[in-house]
């Protein structure tokens, strides 16, 4: 089921959205709102997959409401003004409906939303199913290394040295190739010869990263902006 929220300040338009939604078995109406403020409060407290949102509403427009959300549901804009719909594409809406619209046109919007939701869910599934380890060849053996145990990785020409909490592993591999296999949310390239695990970083400056054990690693000039951005929160 697609958890669906309907937002429109005009009762006839809201009723049309409701009637059309009820004709589709996949749509579960979880709420109906008549203002941007009401919708914002609802979305902050409830999980919504699909949002049908009117643009022109008193007090807070649909665009203003949508821009305030850090986590946005898949959104279909409804409007009586075709030109107004163009503004919504800056907020990654999946479709827009110009009033008055037919049931067939409404249904096509739901199909677009379903495709987007399916892609979104599969992408999240891939992230969840990514292994928490890497495997490398070292001393004629395949070694399994847990990502959480990697403190940093140092490039040594054709080799890399993977430094763990208690020991290290040397493998014949290019640093840039290994970088591609590591999750971006946990690892950051700080220098042409170093990748650091953010879990072990204690402090950063424009020229160095200090790990929790006191070990300092250099920050390359071309990487300093990326490093600062990674730790700005």
C-alpha atoms as a PDB file:
ATOM      1  CA  UNK A   1       0.000   0.000   0.000  1.00  0.00           C
ATOM      2  CA  UNK A   2       1.102   3.554  -0.770  1.00  0.00           C
ATOM      3  CA  UNK A   3       0.522   5.804   2.232  1.00  0.00           C
ATOM      4  CA  UNK A   4      -1.015   8.884   0.624  1.00  0.00           C
ATOM      5  CA  UNK A   5      -1.563  12.402   1.974  1.00  0.00           C
ATOM      6  CA  UNK A   6      -3.944  14.797   0.197  1.00  0.00           C
ATOM      7  CA  UNK A   7      -3.477  18.551   0.594  1.00  0.00           C
ATOM      8  CA  UNK A   8      -5.757  21.214  -0.912  1.00  0.00           C
ATOM      9  CA  UNK A   9      -7.463  24.246   0.625  1.00  0.00           C
ATOM     10  CA  UNK A  10     -10.534  23.910  -1.629  1.00  0.00           C
ATOM     11  CA  UNK A  11     -13.019  21.233  -0.526  1.00  0.00           C
ATOM     12  CA  UNK A  12     -14.201  20.262  -4.065  1.00  0.00           C
ATOM     13  CA  UNK A  13     -10.598  19.691  -5.190  1.00  0.00           C
ATOM     14  CA  UNK A  14      -9.792  17.737  -2.028  1.00  0.00           C
ATOM     15  CA  UNK A  15     -12.881  15.595  -2.596  1.00  0.00           C
ATOM     16  CA  UNK A  16     -11.809  14.817  -6.166  1.00  0.00           C
ATOM     17  CA  UNK A  17      -8.398  13.710  -4.934  1.00  0.00           C
ATOM     18  CA  UNK A  18     -10.059  11.526  -2.323  1.00  0.00           C
ATOM     19  CA  UNK A  19     -12.493   9.928  -4.779  1.00  0.00           C
ATOM     20  CA  UNK A  20      -9.751   9.231  -7.321  1.00  0.00           C
ATOM     21  CA  UNK A  21      -7.481   7.761  -4.635  1.00  0.00           C
ATOM     22  CA  UNK A  22     -10.235   5.465  -3.377  1.00  0.00           C
ATOM     23  CA  UNK A  23     -10.582   4.016  -6.891  1.00  0.00           C
ATOM     24  CA  UNK A  24      -7.006   2.728  -6.722  1.00  0.00           C
ATOM     25  CA  UNK A  25      -6.441  -0.251  -4.442  1.00  0.00           C
ATOM     26  CA  UNK A  26      -2.761   0.639  -3.933  1.00  0.00           C
ATOM     27  CA  UNK A  27      -3.507   4.061  -2.413  1.00  0.00           C
ATOM     28  CA  UNK A  28      -4.161   4.213   1.325  1.00  0.00           C
ATOM     29  CA  UNK A  29      -5.288   7.689   2.379  1.00  0.00           C
ATOM     30  CA  UNK A  30      -3.537   8.401   5.674  1.00  0.00           C
ATOM     31  CA  UNK A  31      -4.540  12.051   5.919  1.00  0.00           C
ATOM     32  CA  UNK A  32      -6.274  15.057   4.362  1.00  0.00           C
ATOM     33  CA  UNK A  33      -5.118  18.614   5.024  1.00  0.00           C
ATOM     34  CA  UNK A  34      -6.473  21.997   3.969  1.00  0.00           C
ATOM     35  CA  UNK A  35      -3.382  24.157   4.541  1.00  0.00           C
ATOM     36  CA  UNK A  36       0.375  24.049   4.219  1.00  0.00           C
ATOM     37  CA  UNK A  37       0.807  24.507   7.963  1.00  0.00           C
ATOM     38  CA  UNK A  38      -1.484  21.574   8.730  1.00  0.00           C
ATOM     39  CA  UNK A  39       0.298  19.387   6.179  1.00  0.00           C
ATOM     40  CA  UNK A  40       3.723  20.314   7.568  1.00  0.00           C
ATOM     41  CA  UNK A  41       2.665  19.297  11.074  1.00  0.00           C
ATOM     42  CA  UNK A  42       1.201  16.034   9.769  1.00  0.00           C
ATOM     43  CA  UNK A  43       4.357  15.120   7.835  1.00  0.00           C
ATOM     44  CA  UNK A  44       6.557  15.790  10.849  1.00  0.00           C
ATOM     45  CA  UNK A  45       4.636  13.182  12.836  1.00  0.00           C
ATOM     46  CA  UNK A  46       3.601  10.578  10.234  1.00  0.00           C
ATOM     47  CA  UNK A  47       5.192   8.419   7.545  1.00  0.00           C
ATOM     48  CA  UNK A  48       3.913   9.300   4.070  1.00  0.00           C
ATOM     49  CA  UNK A  49       4.944   7.703   0.778  1.00  0.00           C
ATOM     50  CA  UNK A  50       3.005   9.898  -1.658  1.00  0.00           C
ATOM     51  CA  UNK A  51       1.884  13.505  -1.328  1.00  0.00           C
ATOM     52  CA  UNK A  52      -0.680  15.226  -3.566  1.00  0.00           C
ATOM     53  CA  UNK A  53      -0.033  18.903  -2.916  1.00  0.00           C
ATOM     54  CA  UNK A  54      -1.854  22.026  -4.061  1.00  0.00           C
ATOM     55  CA  UNK A  55       0.464  24.943  -4.801  1.00  0.00           C
ATOM     56  CA  UNK A  56      -1.749  27.961  -4.221  1.00  0.00           C
ATOM     57  CA  UNK A  57      -2.963  27.991  -0.629  1.00  0.00           C
ATOM     58  CA  UNK A  58      -3.350  30.917   1.788  1.00  0.00           C
ATOM     59  CA  UNK A  59      -0.782  31.423   4.512  1.00  0.00           C
ATOM     60  CA  UNK A  60       1.816  28.955   3.269  1.00  0.00           C
ATOM     61  CA  UNK A  61       1.980  27.826  -0.345  1.00  0.00           C
ATOM     62  CA  UNK A  62       2.650  24.220  -1.272  1.00  0.00           C
ATOM     63  CA  UNK A  63       6.102  25.159  -2.560  1.00  0.00           C
ATOM     64  CA  UNK A  64       6.970  26.917   0.709  1.00  0.00           C
ATOM     65  CA  UNK A  65       5.755  23.941   2.720  1.00  0.00           C
ATOM     66  CA  UNK A  66       7.699  21.459   0.615  1.00  0.00           C
ATOM     67  CA  UNK A  67      10.912  23.479   0.881  1.00  0.00           C
ATOM     68  CA  UNK A  68      10.734  23.279   4.687  1.00  0.00           C
ATOM     69  CA  UNK A  69      10.865  19.477   4.687  1.00  0.00           C
ATOM     70  CA  UNK A  70      14.249  17.821   5.156  1.00  0.00           C
ATOM     71  CA  UNK A  71      12.749  14.451   4.209  1.00  0.00           C
ATOM     72  CA  UNK A  72      10.211  14.755   1.405  1.00  0.00           C
ATOM     73  CA  UNK A  73       7.727  12.108   0.312  1.00  0.00           C
ATOM     74  CA  UNK A  74       7.270  11.473  -3.396  1.00  0.00           C
ATOM     75  CA  UNK A  75       5.211  14.478  -4.446  1.00  0.00           C
ATOM     76  CA  UNK A  76       2.664  15.219  -7.158  1.00  0.00           C
ATOM     77  CA  UNK A  77       1.800  18.905  -7.468  1.00  0.00           C
ATOM     78  CA  UNK A  78      -1.776  19.994  -8.263  1.00  0.00           C
ATOM     79  CA  UNK A  79      -2.447  23.494  -9.558  1.00  0.00           C
ATOM     80  CA  UNK A  80      -4.832  25.569 -11.635  1.00  0.00           C
ATOM     81  CA  UNK A  81      -1.879  27.522 -13.041  1.00  0.00           C
ATOM     82  CA  UNK A  82       0.470  25.677 -15.387  1.00  0.00           C
ATOM     83  CA  UNK A  83       3.274  28.234 -14.912  1.00  0.00           C
ATOM     84  CA  UNK A  84       3.309  27.757 -11.148  1.00  0.00           C
ATOM     85  CA  UNK A  85       4.085  24.063 -11.581  1.00  0.00           C
ATOM     86  CA  UNK A  86       7.510  24.856 -13.053  1.00  0.00           C
ATOM     87  CA  UNK A  87       8.727  26.161  -9.685  1.00  0.00           C
ATOM     88  CA  UNK A  88       8.055  22.756  -8.127  1.00  0.00           C
ATOM     89  CA  UNK A  89      10.580  20.943 -10.288  1.00  0.00           C
ATOM     90  CA  UNK A  90      13.386  22.517  -8.270  1.00  0.00           C
ATOM     91  CA  UNK A  91      12.074  20.380  -5.398  1.00  0.00           C
ATOM     92  CA  UNK A  92      12.176  17.103  -7.365  1.00  0.00           C
ATOM     93  CA  UNK A  93       8.442  16.486  -7.650  1.00  0.00           C
ATOM     94  CA  UNK A  94       7.556  13.386  -9.651  1.00  0.00           C
ATOM     95  CA  UNK A  95       4.650  14.942 -11.593  1.00  0.00           C
ATOM     96  CA  UNK A  96       2.155  17.810 -11.680  1.00  0.00           C
ATOM     97  CA  UNK A  97      -1.564  17.865 -12.412  1.00  0.00           C
ATOM     98  CA  UNK A  98      -3.204  20.935 -13.904  1.00  0.00           C
ATOM     99  CA  UNK A  99      -6.787  21.361 -12.701  1.00  0.00           C
ATOM    100  CA  UNK A 100      -9.226  20.130 -13.816  1.00  0.00           C
ATOM    101  CA  UNK A 101      -7.613  16.736 -14.444  1.00  0.00           C
ATOM    102  CA  UNK A 102      -9.173  13.400 -15.332  1.00  0.00           C
ATOM    103  CA  UNK A 103      -8.984  10.137 -13.434  1.00  0.00           C
ATOM    104  CA  UNK A 104      -6.769   8.678 -16.161  1.00  0.00           C
ATOM    105  CA  UNK A 105      -4.299  11.529 -15.752  1.00  0.00           C
ATOM    106  CA  UNK A 106      -4.414  11.100 -11.967  1.00  0.00           C
ATOM    107  CA  UNK A 107      -3.746   7.378 -12.374  1.00  0.00           C
ATOM    108  CA  UNK A 108      -0.690   8.074 -14.551  1.00  0.00           C
ATOM    109  CA  UNK A 109       0.699  10.230 -11.761  1.00  0.00           C
ATOM    110  CA  UNK A 110       0.237   7.387  -9.293  1.00  0.00           C
ATOM    111  CA  UNK A 111       2.022   5.026 -11.684  1.00  0.00           C
ATOM    112  CA  UNK A 112       4.951   7.437 -11.905  1.00  0.00           C
ATOM    113  CA  UNK A 113       5.015   7.665  -8.139  1.00  0.00           C
ATOM    114  CA  UNK A 114       4.932   3.863  -7.829  1.00  0.00           C
ATOM    115  CA  UNK A 115       7.934   3.553 -10.143  1.00  0.00           C
ATOM    116  CA  UNK A 116       9.820   6.179  -8.161  1.00  0.00           C
ATOM    117  CA  UNK A 117       8.899   4.518  -4.867  1.00  0.00           C
ATOM    118  CA  UNK A 118      10.032   1.124  -6.151  1.00  0.00           C
ATOM    119  CA  UNK A 119      13.380   2.595  -7.230  1.00  0.00           C
ATOM    120  CA  UNK A 120      13.761   4.378  -3.909  1.00  0.00           C
ATOM    121  CA  UNK A 121      13.006   1.217  -1.907  1.00  0.00           C
ATOM    122  CA  UNK A 122      15.375  -0.938  -3.961  1.00  0.00           C
ATOM    123  CA  UNK A 123      18.128   1.649  -3.543  1.00  0.00           C
ATOM    124  CA  UNK A 124      17.649   1.639   0.234  1.00  0.00           C
ATOM    125  CA  UNK A 125      17.613  -2.170   0.213  1.00  0.00           C
ATOM    126  CA  UNK A 126      20.952  -2.225  -1.605  1.00  0.00           C
ATOM    127  CA  UNK A 127      22.416   0.088   1.018  1.00  0.00           C
ATOM    128  CA  UNK A 128      21.140  -2.095   3.838  1.00  0.00           C
ATOM    129  CA  UNK A 129      22.456  -5.263   2.224  1.00  0.00           C
ATOM    130  CA  UNK A 130      25.965  -3.990   1.527  1.00  0.00           C
ATOM    131  CA  UNK A 131      28.478  -6.151   3.411  1.00  0.00           C
ATOM    132  CA  UNK A 132      30.213  -4.744   6.475  1.00  0.00           C
ATOM    133  CA  UNK A 133      33.575  -6.052   5.302  1.00  0.00           C
ATOM    134  CA  UNK A 134      35.990  -6.156   2.392  1.00  0.00           C
ATOM    135  CA  UNK A 135      38.194  -8.993   1.203  1.00  0.00           C
ATOM    136  CA  UNK A 136      41.772  -8.545  -0.014  1.00  0.00           C
ATOM    137  CA  UNK A 137      44.615 -10.825  -1.024  1.00  0.00           C
ATOM    138  CA  UNK A 138      47.607 -10.775   1.310  1.00  0.00           C
ATOM    139  CA  UNK A 139      50.461 -13.299   1.606  1.00  0.00           C
ATOM    140  CA  UNK A 140      48.739 -15.631  -0.866  1.00  0.00           C
ATOM    141  CA  UNK A 141      45.595 -15.686   1.260  1.00  0.00           C
ATOM    142  CA  UNK A 142      42.211 -14.007   1.022  1.00  0.00           C
ATOM    143  CA  UNK A 143      41.703 -11.894   4.125  1.00  0.00           C
ATOM    144  CA  UNK A 144      38.322 -10.693   5.359  1.00  0.00           C
ATOM    145  CA  UNK A 145      38.515  -7.249   6.993  1.00  0.00           C
ATOM    146  CA  UNK A 146      35.637  -5.698   8.931  1.00  0.00           C
ATOM    147  CA  UNK A 147      35.050  -2.075   7.905  1.00  0.00           C
ATOM    148  CA  UNK A 148      34.579  -0.983  11.525  1.00  0.00           C
ATOM    149  CA  UNK A 149      38.117  -2.174  12.352  1.00  0.00           C
ATOM    150  CA  UNK A 150      39.856  -0.113   9.650  1.00  0.00           C
ATOM    151  CA  UNK A 151      41.461   2.995  11.172  1.00  0.00           C
ATOM    152  CA  UNK A 152      43.052   4.283   7.973  1.00  0.00           C
ATOM    153  CA  UNK A 153      44.512   3.096   4.682  1.00  0.00           C
ATOM    154  CA  UNK A 154      47.881   4.220   3.344  1.00  0.00           C
ATOM    155  CA  UNK A 155      48.957   4.002  -0.280  1.00  0.00           C
ATOM    156  CA  UNK A 156      52.458   2.567  -0.805  1.00  0.00           C
ATOM    157  CA  UNK A 157      52.968   2.710  -4.558  1.00  0.00           C
ATOM    158  CA  UNK A 158      51.449  -0.479  -5.976  1.00  0.00           C
ATOM    159  CA  UNK A 159      50.497  -1.656  -2.500  1.00  0.00           C
ATOM    160  CA  UNK A 160      48.220  -0.372   0.236  1.00  0.00           C
ATOM    161  CA  UNK A 161      48.586  -0.775   3.972  1.00  0.00           C
ATOM    162  CA  UNK A 162      45.258  -1.259   5.744  1.00  0.00           C
ATOM    163  CA  UNK A 163      45.794  -0.243   9.353  1.00  0.00           C
ATOM    164  CA  UNK A 164      43.441  -1.919  11.827  1.00  0.00           C
ATOM    165  CA  UNK A 165      42.924  -1.448  15.544  1.00  0.00           C
ATOM    166  CA  UNK A 166      45.473  -4.107  16.519  1.00  0.00           C
ATOM    167  CA  UNK A 167      47.491  -4.889  13.374  1.00  0.00           C
ATOM    168  CA  UNK A 168      47.696  -4.124   9.650  1.00  0.00           C
ATOM    169  CA  UNK A 169      47.326  -5.876   6.300  1.00  0.00           C
ATOM    170  CA  UNK A 170      49.356  -5.134   3.165  1.00  0.00           C
ATOM    171  CA  UNK A 171      47.833  -5.954  -0.200  1.00  0.00           C
ATOM    172  CA  UNK A 172      48.690  -5.427  -3.858  1.00  0.00           C
ATOM    173  CA  UNK A 173      46.010  -2.891  -4.800  1.00  0.00           C
ATOM    174  CA  UNK A 174      45.707   0.701  -5.999  1.00  0.00           C
ATOM    175  CA  UNK A 175      44.361   3.091  -3.385  1.00  0.00           C
ATOM    176  CA  UNK A 176      41.855   4.604  -5.837  1.00  0.00           C
ATOM    177  CA  UNK A 177      40.405   1.166  -6.597  1.00  0.00           C
ATOM    178  CA  UNK A 178      40.016   0.337  -2.930  1.00  0.00           C
ATOM    179  CA  UNK A 179      38.407   3.748  -2.350  1.00  0.00           C
ATOM    180  CA  UNK A 180      35.566   2.828  -4.731  1.00  0.00           C
ATOM    181  CA  UNK A 181      34.622  -0.217  -2.628  1.00  0.00           C
ATOM    182  CA  UNK A 182      34.399   1.663   0.681  1.00  0.00           C
ATOM    183  CA  UNK A 183      31.132   3.286   1.861  1.00  0.00           C
ATOM    184  CA  UNK A 184      31.319   7.075   1.460  1.00  0.00           C
ATOM    185  CA  UNK A 185      29.447   7.706   4.701  1.00  0.00           C
ATOM    186  CA  UNK A 186      32.276   6.092   6.710  1.00  0.00           C
ATOM    187  CA  UNK A 187      35.465   6.747   4.755  1.00  0.00           C
ATOM    188  CA  UNK A 188      37.010   9.897   3.310  1.00  0.00           C
ATOM    189  CA  UNK A 189      40.018  10.463   1.080  1.00  0.00           C
ATOM    190  CA  UNK A 190      42.178  12.991   2.915  1.00  0.00           C
ATOM    191  CA  UNK A 191      45.395  12.823   0.900  1.00  0.00           C
ATOM    192  CA  UNK A 192      46.696  11.223  -2.297  1.00  0.00           C
ATOM    193  CA  UNK A 193      48.180   8.541  -0.040  1.00  0.00           C
ATOM    194  CA  UNK A 194      45.567   8.258   2.740  1.00  0.00           C
ATOM    195  CA  UNK A 195      41.940   7.295   3.373  1.00  0.00           C
ATOM    196  CA  UNK A 196      40.590   7.709   6.905  1.00  0.00           C
ATOM    197  CA  UNK A 197      37.727   6.013   8.709  1.00  0.00           C
ATOM    198  CA  UNK A 198      35.607   8.840  10.154  1.00  0.00           C
ATOM    199  CA  UNK A 199      34.789   6.636  13.163  1.00  0.00           C
ATOM    200  CA  UNK A 200      38.370   6.992  14.429  1.00  0.00           C
ATOM    201  CA  UNK A 201      38.866  10.705  13.728  1.00  0.00           C
ATOM    202  CA  UNK A 202      39.155  12.958  16.790  1.00  0.00           C
ATOM    203  CA  UNK A 203      40.127  16.354  15.345  1.00  0.00           C
ATOM    204  CA  UNK A 204      40.777  17.937  11.950  1.00  0.00           C
ATOM    205  CA  UNK A 205      42.614  21.012  10.700  1.00  0.00           C
ATOM    206  CA  UNK A 206      43.305  22.290   7.203  1.00  0.00           C
ATOM    207  CA  UNK A 207      46.572  20.313   7.139  1.00  0.00           C
ATOM    208  CA  UNK A 208      46.031  17.217   9.289  1.00  0.00           C
ATOM    209  CA  UNK A 209      43.607  14.697  10.744  1.00  0.00           C
ATOM    210  CA  UNK A 210      44.265  13.360  14.234  1.00  0.00           C
ATOM    211  CA  UNK A 211      42.903   9.964  15.160  1.00  0.00           C
ATOM    212  CA  UNK A 212      41.575   9.036  18.592  1.00  0.00           C
ATOM    213  CA  UNK A 213      44.843   7.259  19.431  1.00  0.00           C
ATOM    214  CA  UNK A 214      46.779  10.468  18.742  1.00  0.00           C
ATOM    215  CA  UNK A 215      48.159   9.388  15.374  1.00  0.00           C
ATOM    216  CA  UNK A 216      48.226  12.275  12.887  1.00  0.00           C
ATOM    217  CA  UNK A 217      47.661  11.944   9.150  1.00  0.00           C
ATOM    218  CA  UNK A 218      48.321  14.657   6.542  1.00  0.00           C
ATOM    219  CA  UNK A 219      45.518  16.382   4.626  1.00  0.00           C
ATOM    220  CA  UNK A 220      46.331  17.184   1.008  1.00  0.00           C
ATOM    221  CA  UNK A 221      45.503  20.627  -0.378  1.00  0.00           C
ATOM    222  CA  UNK A 222      43.131  19.259  -3.009  1.00  0.00           C
ATOM    223  CA  UNK A 223      41.235  17.255  -0.369  1.00  0.00           C
ATOM    224  CA  UNK A 224      40.895  19.813   2.426  1.00  0.00           C
ATOM    225  CA  UNK A 225      37.489  21.152   1.294  1.00  0.00           C
ATOM    226  CA  UNK A 226      36.088  17.637   1.054  1.00  0.00           C
ATOM    227  CA  UNK A 227      37.462  16.810   4.508  1.00  0.00           C
ATOM    228  CA  UNK A 228      35.944  19.938   6.054  1.00  0.00           C
ATOM    229  CA  UNK A 229      32.581  19.219   4.417  1.00  0.00           C
ATOM    230  CA  UNK A 230      32.639  15.661   5.725  1.00  0.00           C
ATOM    231  CA  UNK A 231      33.040  16.785   9.317  1.00  0.00           C
ATOM    232  CA  UNK A 232      31.100  20.053   9.298  1.00  0.00           C
ATOM    233  CA  UNK A 233      28.212  18.417  11.220  1.00  0.00           C
END
